[in-house]
Amino acid sequence: MNTLRRLIHREAVFAVAFVTMGFLALFFFFDLVDELRWIGRTGSDGYQLSHALLFVALSIPSHLYELLPITVLIGTIFVMARLAQSSEFTIMRTSGMGPWLALRTLLTLGGFFVLLTFAVGDYLAPLTDKAAQLIKVRHLGKLSSGATGAWLKARQDDHSFAVNVRAIGADGGLIDVRIFEFDEQGRIASQTRAATGQVQGSDDAAWVLRDVQRSVFHQRAADEAQVEHQKLPEWRWPTNISADMIAASLLKPDRMATFDLFQYIRHLDDNGQSAQRYEIEFWRKVFYPLSCLVMVVLALPFAYLHFRSGSIAGYVFGGVMAGISFFLLNNVFGYAGNLQNWSPWLTAAAPGLIYSVLSLAAFGWLVLRR
């Protein structure tokens, strides 16, 4: 049995690797075409073709993380269908490989891909994404998100702060910072605007802002206030908002590591902000690698089908469609859960649960009953 398991595992790994390389080459081409529009635009020293190639290459781990469950399904379907077509799987069955042993063999293979998907998505992809963004910041000038940049909220004693950072510069500094301070009654207490700033990450955490314009509102009576305007070359604002939190609000949550997402969710909860979008993404990070197990179970019934010569391509195409449908369903549930305020863990787990039921139903009907 060990020989048969090694044979199935080896064939499946080679097939999944081949399919993955094909998809990554396709995504590499599409990303490179998209990056060509930035070539020639000047930042600190210009964005050239070599920078675009490096940026696209560093984006490959993110695509690998997204594609692995799909390529696991396609590669495993191809291997199981080919073994059935050549009657090799029939020989394995007569040698003592029953349905449950075949299922355990594929689940062991799926466990390997679960660990690989988790490692790529939680360690490799976040690092390469940060390096890719650093390249774009260095050569295009800044990193921003939309027209207004990043908005964050902080609380100090009985005062609350709404903070806006328009962009992050090539040196990691803050560009166009605005801070709105509100007192315990919700009235504005001060407004601060700075051209640039830097985050200090020491024990006494603070932002050092430069070229500062401040407006401080002194409440004299219920309907009367005095405004004091200040111009300061430098001003220090004590806060626990770190550079990682600013980067998290500027980057897509699906590109963050699981622990970084957890920390950012805690920061949002502590400051009374909605964390629904990030909670859904956190649970998707938890459940997404497990979808590799679902995919290998979905591929097992193909080994029990009877193939004619050349019919294997149709089943592989069906596997491609099933993989794409899983990817689409995963995204649809993410957007719908965010809009409808569904339970984050259930929203993230629903696509995997649906496909688990389908795969186990196919296994029970086609393998056990027939």
Protein backbone atom coordinates (compact mmCIF):
# COMPACT_ATOMS: atom_id res chain seq x y z
CA MET A 1 0.00 0.00 0.00
CA ASN A 2 2.86 2.40 0.69
CA THR A 3 4.03 1.95 -2.90
CA LEU A 4 0.56 2.77 -4.24
CA ARG A 5 0.28 5.81 -1.97
CA ARG A 6 3.67 7.11 -3.08
CA LEU A 7 2.66 6.60 -6.72
CA ILE A 8 -0.57 8.58 -6.33
CA HIS A 9 1.13 11.31 -4.30
CA ARG A 10 4.00 11.67 -6.77
CA GLU A 11 1.72 11.82 -9.81
CA ALA A 12 -0.63 14.29 -8.12
CA VAL A 13 2.16 16.61 -6.98
CA PHE A 14 3.68 16.71 -10.47
CA ALA A 15 0.28 17.36 -12.06
CA VAL A 16 -0.61 20.12 -9.57
CA ALA A 17 2.82 21.72 -10.07
CA PHE A 18 2.36 21.68 -13.86
CA VAL A 19 -1.12 23.20 -13.71
CA THR A 20 0.03 25.81 -11.18
CA MET A 21 2.94 26.86 -13.38
CA GLY A 22 0.58 27.28 -16.32
CA PHE A 23 -1.81 29.49 -14.37
CA LEU A 24 1.02 31.54 -12.84
CA ALA A 25 2.51 32.15 -16.30
CA LEU A 26 -0.88 33.42 -17.47
CA PHE A 27 -1.27 35.73 -14.47
CA PHE A 28 2.32 36.94 -14.89
CA PHE A 29 1.52 38.00 -18.47
CA PHE A 30 -1.70 39.78 -17.48
CA ASP A 31 -0.02 41.59 -14.56
CA LEU A 32 2.88 42.68 -16.74
CA VAL A 33 0.53 44.12 -19.36
CA ASP A 34 -1.26 46.02 -16.58
CA GLU A 35 2.03 47.36 -15.18
CA LEU A 36 3.16 48.70 -18.56
CA ARG A 37 0.93 51.75 -18.09
CA TRP A 38 3.15 52.93 -15.21
CA ILE A 39 6.42 52.72 -17.13
CA GLY A 40 7.89 56.14 -17.81
CA ARG A 41 6.10 57.89 -14.98
CA THR A 42 8.61 59.56 -12.72
CA GLY A 43 8.81 59.31 -9.00
CA SER A 44 12.14 59.53 -7.23
CA ASP A 45 14.06 57.89 -10.07
CA GLY A 46 11.41 56.65 -12.51
CA TYR A 47 9.55 53.40 -13.04
CA GLN A 48 11.25 51.24 -15.68
CA LEU A 49 10.54 47.87 -17.30
CA SER A 50 12.93 46.13 -14.91
CA HIS A 51 10.96 47.52 -11.95
CA ALA A 52 7.70 46.31 -13.51
CA LEU A 53 9.14 42.82 -14.03
CA LEU A 54 10.34 42.68 -10.43
CA PHE A 55 7.00 43.95 -9.13
CA VAL A 56 5.09 41.31 -11.10
CA ALA A 57 7.51 38.57 -10.00
CA LEU A 58 7.00 39.53 -6.36
CA SER A 59 3.23 39.30 -6.87
CA ILE A 60 3.47 35.61 -7.84
CA PRO A 61 3.17 34.25 -4.24
CA SER A 62 -0.16 36.06 -3.79
CA HIS A 63 -1.48 34.47 -6.98
CA LEU A 64 -0.10 31.12 -5.84
CA TYR A 65 -2.06 31.38 -2.60
CA GLU A 66 -5.27 32.20 -4.48
CA LEU A 67 -4.79 29.48 -7.11
CA LEU A 68 -3.62 26.50 -5.03
CA PRO A 69 -7.07 25.05 -4.17
CA ILE A 70 -8.13 25.34 -7.82
CA THR A 71 -4.94 23.80 -9.20
CA VAL A 72 -5.09 21.04 -6.56
CA LEU A 73 -8.56 20.16 -7.83
CA ILE A 74 -7.59 20.24 -11.52
CA GLY A 75 -4.33 18.34 -11.04
CA THR A 76 -5.88 15.67 -8.82
CA ILE A 77 -8.83 15.19 -11.19
CA PHE A 78 -6.41 14.74 -14.10
CA VAL A 79 -4.37 12.13 -12.21
CA MET A 80 -7.36 10.14 -10.93
CA ALA A 81 -9.09 10.22 -14.34
CA ARG A 82 -5.90 9.13 -16.11
CA LEU A 83 -5.41 6.27 -13.67
CA ALA A 84 -8.99 5.18 -14.30
CA GLN A 85 -8.61 5.48 -18.09
CA SER A 86 -5.47 3.33 -18.14
CA SER A 87 -7.08 0.80 -15.72
CA GLU A 88 -4.26 1.37 -13.23
CA PHE A 89 -6.75 2.35 -10.56
CA THR A 90 -8.69 -0.87 -11.22
CA ILE A 91 -5.50 -2.79 -10.54
CA MET A 92 -5.02 -0.79 -7.32
CA ARG A 93 -8.54 -1.68 -6.22
CA THR A 94 -7.97 -5.41 -6.85
CA SER A 95 -4.72 -5.09 -4.88
CA GLY A 96 -6.67 -4.05 -1.79
CA MET A 97 -7.13 -0.26 -2.10
CA GLY A 98 -10.74 0.21 -1.04
CA PRO A 99 -12.70 3.48 -1.13
CA TRP A 100 -11.81 4.50 2.43
CA LEU A 101 -8.11 3.78 1.93
CA ALA A 102 -8.18 5.82 -1.29
CA LEU A 103 -9.92 8.63 0.59
CA ARG A 104 -7.29 8.58 3.35
CA THR A 105 -4.54 8.61 0.72
CA LEU A 106 -5.96 11.73 -0.92
CA LEU A 107 -6.65 13.41 2.44
CA THR A 108 -2.97 12.94 3.35
CA LEU A 109 -2.07 14.59 0.06
CA GLY A 110 -4.58 17.35 0.77
CA GLY A 111 -3.02 17.92 4.20
CA PHE A 112 0.30 18.64 2.52
CA PHE A 113 -1.33 21.23 0.28
CA VAL A 114 -3.15 22.74 3.28
CA LEU A 115 0.20 23.37 4.99
CA LEU A 116 1.69 24.71 1.76
CA THR A 117 -1.24 27.08 1.20
CA PHE A 118 -1.09 28.33 4.79
CA ALA A 119 2.68 28.91 4.62
CA VAL A 120 2.44 30.80 1.33
CA GLY A 121 -0.56 32.90 2.38
CA ASP A 122 0.59 33.73 5.89
CA TYR A 123 4.34 34.12 5.53
CA LEU A 124 5.62 34.29 1.94
CA ALA A 125 2.88 36.33 0.24
CA PRO A 126 2.74 39.18 2.85
CA LEU A 127 6.53 39.59 2.70
CA THR A 128 6.69 39.67 -1.10
CA ASP A 129 3.67 42.00 -1.28
CA LYS A 130 5.38 44.48 1.04
CA ALA A 131 8.55 44.27 -1.05
CA ALA A 132 6.52 44.82 -4.23
CA GLN A 133 4.76 47.84 -2.75
CA LEU A 134 8.11 49.23 -1.61
CA ILE A 135 9.38 49.05 -5.19
CA LYS A 136 6.36 50.96 -6.45
CA VAL A 137 6.63 53.53 -3.65
CA ARG A 138 10.35 54.02 -4.28
CA HIS A 139 9.97 54.62 -8.01
CA LEU A 140 6.52 56.18 -8.25
CA GLY A 141 6.77 58.35 -5.16
CA LYS A 142 4.08 57.24 -2.70
CA LEU A 143 1.57 54.60 -1.66
CA SER A 144 -2.06 55.64 -1.28
CA SER A 145 -5.53 54.14 -1.33
CA GLY A 146 -8.28 55.93 -3.22
CA ALA A 147 -8.69 59.70 -3.21
CA THR A 148 -8.72 60.20 0.57
CA GLY A 149 -6.04 57.76 1.75
CA ALA A 150 -6.29 55.95 5.08
CA TRP A 151 -8.72 56.83 7.89
CA LEU A 152 -8.11 55.60 11.43
CA LYS A 153 -9.61 56.25 14.84
CA ALA A 154 -7.90 56.54 18.20
CA ARG A 155 -8.95 57.24 21.79
CA GLN A 156 -7.00 58.95 24.57
CA ASP A 157 -8.69 59.32 27.95
CA ASP A 158 -12.09 60.90 27.23
CA HIS A 159 -11.04 62.40 23.88
CA SER A 160 -11.35 60.68 20.51
CA PHE A 161 -9.36 61.31 17.34
CA ALA A 162 -10.14 60.86 13.66
CA VAL A 163 -6.87 60.54 11.73
CA ASN A 164 -6.36 60.77 7.99
CA VAL A 165 -3.09 59.90 6.20
CA ARG A 166 -3.20 60.66 2.50
CA ALA A 167 -0.20 58.53 1.50
CA ILE A 168 3.03 56.85 2.62
CA GLY A 169 6.24 58.18 1.09
CA ALA A 170 9.21 56.29 -0.32
CA ASP A 171 11.09 56.59 3.00
CA GLY A 172 8.13 55.21 4.97
CA GLY A 173 7.13 58.69 6.15
CA LEU A 174 3.58 60.03 6.29
CA ILE A 175 2.32 62.50 3.69
CA ASP A 176 -0.50 65.02 4.25
CA VAL A 177 -1.65 64.12 7.77
CA ARG A 178 -4.88 65.46 9.28
CA ILE A 179 -5.93 64.90 12.91
CA PHE A 180 -9.38 65.86 14.25
CA GLU A 181 -9.75 65.82 18.05
CA PHE A 182 -13.16 65.61 19.75
CA ASP A 183 -13.94 66.10 23.44
CA GLU A 184 -16.20 63.98 25.66
CA GLN A 185 -19.32 65.81 24.39
CA GLY A 186 -18.40 65.08 20.77
CA ARG A 187 -17.42 68.71 20.04
CA ILE A 188 -14.32 69.38 18.02
CA ALA A 189 -11.41 70.35 20.27
CA SER A 190 -8.62 70.79 17.75
CA GLN A 191 -7.73 70.31 14.12
CA THR A 192 -4.18 69.58 13.01
CA ARG A 193 -2.72 69.38 9.52
CA ALA A 194 0.89 68.45 8.72
CA ALA A 195 2.69 68.19 5.41
CA THR A 196 4.83 65.21 6.48
CA GLY A 197 5.38 63.02 9.51
CA GLN A 198 7.25 60.06 10.90
CA VAL A 199 6.13 57.27 13.21
CA GLN A 200 8.29 56.63 16.26
CA GLY A 201 8.07 53.02 17.36
CA SER A 202 9.84 53.24 20.71
CA ASP A 203 8.29 52.62 24.13
CA ASP A 204 7.05 56.23 24.11
CA ALA A 205 5.18 55.83 20.83
CA ALA A 206 4.33 59.04 18.97
CA TRP A 207 4.13 60.73 15.59
CA VAL A 208 6.57 63.51 14.83
CA LEU A 209 4.81 65.88 12.44
CA ARG A 210 6.49 68.64 10.45
CA ASP A 211 5.21 71.85 8.87
CA VAL A 212 2.19 71.81 11.18
CA GLN A 213 -0.90 74.03 11.19
CA ARG A 214 -3.11 73.66 14.28
CA SER A 215 -6.46 75.14 15.22
CA VAL A 216 -7.34 74.74 18.91
CA PHE A 217 -10.93 75.44 19.99
CA HIS A 218 -11.35 76.80 23.54
CA GLN A 219 -14.95 76.51 24.74
CA ARG A 220 -15.94 79.58 26.73
CA ALA A 221 -19.67 79.04 26.95
CA ALA A 222 -22.29 76.69 25.57
CA ASP A 223 -22.60 78.72 22.37
CA GLU A 224 -19.24 80.51 22.31
CA ALA A 225 -15.73 79.30 21.47
CA GLN A 226 -12.37 80.89 20.83
CA VAL A 227 -10.10 79.56 18.08
CA GLU A 228 -6.34 79.67 18.51
CA HIS A 229 -4.30 79.19 15.32
CA GLN A 230 -0.75 77.86 15.55
CA LYS A 231 2.02 77.30 13.02
CA LEU A 232 4.71 74.92 14.19
CA PRO A 233 7.80 73.61 12.40
CA GLU A 234 7.49 70.35 14.34
CA TRP A 235 4.90 68.84 16.67
CA ARG A 236 4.88 65.56 18.57
CA TRP A 237 1.59 63.68 18.92
CA PRO A 238 1.63 60.71 21.37
CA THR A 239 -0.36 57.81 19.94
CA ASN A 240 -0.31 54.01 19.74
CA ILE A 241 -1.20 53.95 16.03
CA SER A 242 1.78 52.17 14.49
CA ALA A 243 3.16 52.22 10.97
CA ASP A 244 1.83 48.66 10.45
CA MET A 245 -1.71 49.83 11.23
CA ILE A 246 -1.42 52.63 8.69
CA ALA A 247 -0.09 50.22 6.08
CA ALA A 248 -2.91 47.79 6.93
CA SER A 249 -5.53 50.45 6.22
CA LEU A 250 -3.86 51.27 2.89
CA LEU A 251 -3.34 47.67 1.73
CA LYS A 252 -5.99 45.10 0.87
CA PRO A 253 -6.90 42.96 3.90
CA ASP A 254 -6.47 39.75 1.89
CA ARG A 255 -2.77 40.58 1.50
CA MET A 256 -2.17 40.70 5.27
CA ALA A 257 -0.97 37.89 7.52
CA THR A 258 -3.47 36.27 9.88
CA PHE A 259 -1.81 37.66 13.03
CA ASP A 260 -1.62 41.18 11.54
CA LEU A 261 -5.32 40.98 10.71
CA PHE A 262 -6.08 39.88 14.27
CA GLN A 263 -4.14 42.81 15.74
CA TYR A 264 -5.81 45.29 13.40
CA ILE A 265 -9.27 43.93 14.27
CA ARG A 266 -8.49 44.41 17.99
CA HIS A 267 -7.44 48.01 17.29
CA LEU A 268 -10.71 48.68 15.42
CA ASP A 269 -12.79 47.08 18.19
CA ASP A 270 -10.99 49.06 20.91
CA ASN A 271 -11.82 52.29 19.10
CA GLY A 272 -15.43 51.47 18.32
CA GLN A 273 -14.95 51.01 14.56
CA SER A 274 -16.60 48.44 12.33
CA ALA A 275 -14.29 45.47 11.74
CA GLN A 276 -16.74 43.35 9.72
CA ARG A 277 -14.69 43.41 6.52
CA TYR A 278 -11.48 42.47 8.32
CA GLU A 279 -13.16 39.80 10.46
CA ILE A 280 -14.50 38.11 7.32
CA GLU A 281 -11.04 38.23 5.77
CA PHE A 282 -9.52 36.85 8.98
CA TRP A 283 -11.81 33.81 8.94
CA ARG A 284 -11.26 33.37 5.21
CA LYS A 285 -7.55 33.20 5.98
CA VAL A 286 -8.32 30.48 8.52
CA PHE A 287 -10.63 28.38 6.33
CA TYR A 288 -9.17 28.94 2.85
CA PRO A 289 -6.22 26.48 3.18
CA LEU A 290 -8.66 23.79 4.35
CA SER A 291 -10.41 24.00 0.98
CA CYS A 292 -7.55 21.89 -0.43
CA LEU A 293 -8.99 18.95 1.53
CA VAL A 294 -12.39 19.59 -0.03
CA MET A 295 -10.86 19.65 -3.51
CA VAL A 296 -9.07 16.31 -3.23
CA VAL A 297 -12.26 14.65 -1.93
CA LEU A 298 -14.15 16.17 -4.88
CA ALA A 299 -11.57 14.66 -7.26
CA LEU A 300 -11.76 11.10 -5.87
CA PRO A 301 -15.02 10.03 -7.62
CA PHE A 302 -13.34 10.63 -10.99
CA ALA A 303 -11.21 7.53 -10.36
CA TYR A 304 -14.36 5.37 -10.35
CA LEU A 305 -15.69 6.59 -13.70
CA HIS A 306 -15.30 4.69 -16.96
CA PHE A 307 -13.53 6.71 -19.63
CA ARG A 308 -13.43 6.37 -23.36
CA SER A 309 -10.34 7.41 -25.28
CA GLY A 310 -10.14 11.20 -25.35
CA SER A 311 -13.03 11.78 -22.90
CA ILE A 312 -10.66 12.70 -20.09
CA ALA A 313 -10.35 16.28 -21.40
CA GLY A 314 -14.03 16.92 -20.77
CA TYR A 315 -13.74 15.88 -17.13
CA VAL A 316 -10.65 18.04 -16.64
CA PHE A 317 -12.59 20.96 -18.13
CA GLY A 318 -15.36 20.20 -15.64
CA GLY A 319 -12.77 20.37 -12.88
CA VAL A 320 -11.65 23.78 -14.14
CA MET A 321 -15.24 25.04 -14.05
CA ALA A 322 -15.74 23.63 -10.55
CA GLY A 323 -12.58 25.35 -9.33
CA ILE A 324 -13.57 28.67 -10.88
CA SER A 325 -17.06 28.39 -9.40
CA PHE A 326 -15.55 27.82 -5.93
CA PHE A 327 -13.35 30.90 -6.34
CA LEU A 328 -16.34 33.01 -7.45
CA LEU A 329 -18.57 31.69 -4.67
CA ASN A 330 -15.87 32.50 -2.12
CA ASN A 331 -15.73 36.12 -3.33
CA VAL A 332 -19.52 36.45 -3.56
CA PHE A 333 -19.99 35.28 0.03
CA GLY A 334 -17.28 37.70 1.16
CA TYR A 335 -18.97 40.72 -0.44
CA ALA A 336 -22.50 39.62 0.54
CA GLY A 337 -21.47 38.95 4.14
CA ASN A 338 -19.93 42.39 4.41
CA LEU A 339 -23.03 44.10 2.97
CA GLN A 340 -25.59 42.05 4.91
CA ASN A 341 -23.59 41.95 8.16
CA TRP A 342 -23.54 38.15 8.29
CA SER A 343 -21.56 36.22 10.87
CA PRO A 344 -17.89 36.52 9.75
CA TRP A 345 -16.86 32.93 10.46
CA LEU A 346 -19.99 31.49 8.80
CA THR A 347 -19.52 33.75 5.76
CA ALA A 348 -15.96 32.53 5.36
CA ALA A 349 -16.77 28.87 5.98
CA ALA A 350 -19.93 28.64 3.83
CA PRO A 351 -18.26 28.01 0.41
CA GLY A 352 -16.06 25.27 1.87
CA LEU A 353 -19.03 23.69 3.65
CA ILE A 354 -21.12 23.72 0.46
CA TYR A 355 -18.39 22.08 -1.57
CA SER A 356 -17.70 19.60 1.24
CA VAL A 357 -21.31 18.44 1.13
CA LEU A 358 -21.18 18.16 -2.67
CA SER A 359 -17.92 16.22 -2.66
CA LEU A 360 -19.05 13.82 0.09
CA ALA A 361 -22.38 13.32 -1.68
CA ALA A 362 -20.57 12.49 -4.93
CA PHE A 363 -18.25 10.15 -3.02
CA GLY A 364 -21.16 8.39 -1.29
CA TRP A 365 -23.30 8.00 -4.41
CA LEU A 366 -20.67 7.16 -7.01
CA VAL A 367 -18.15 5.25 -4.91
CA LEU A 368 -20.01 3.57 -2.05
CA ARG A 369 -23.39 2.88 -3.68
CA ARG A 370 -22.11 2.00 -7.15
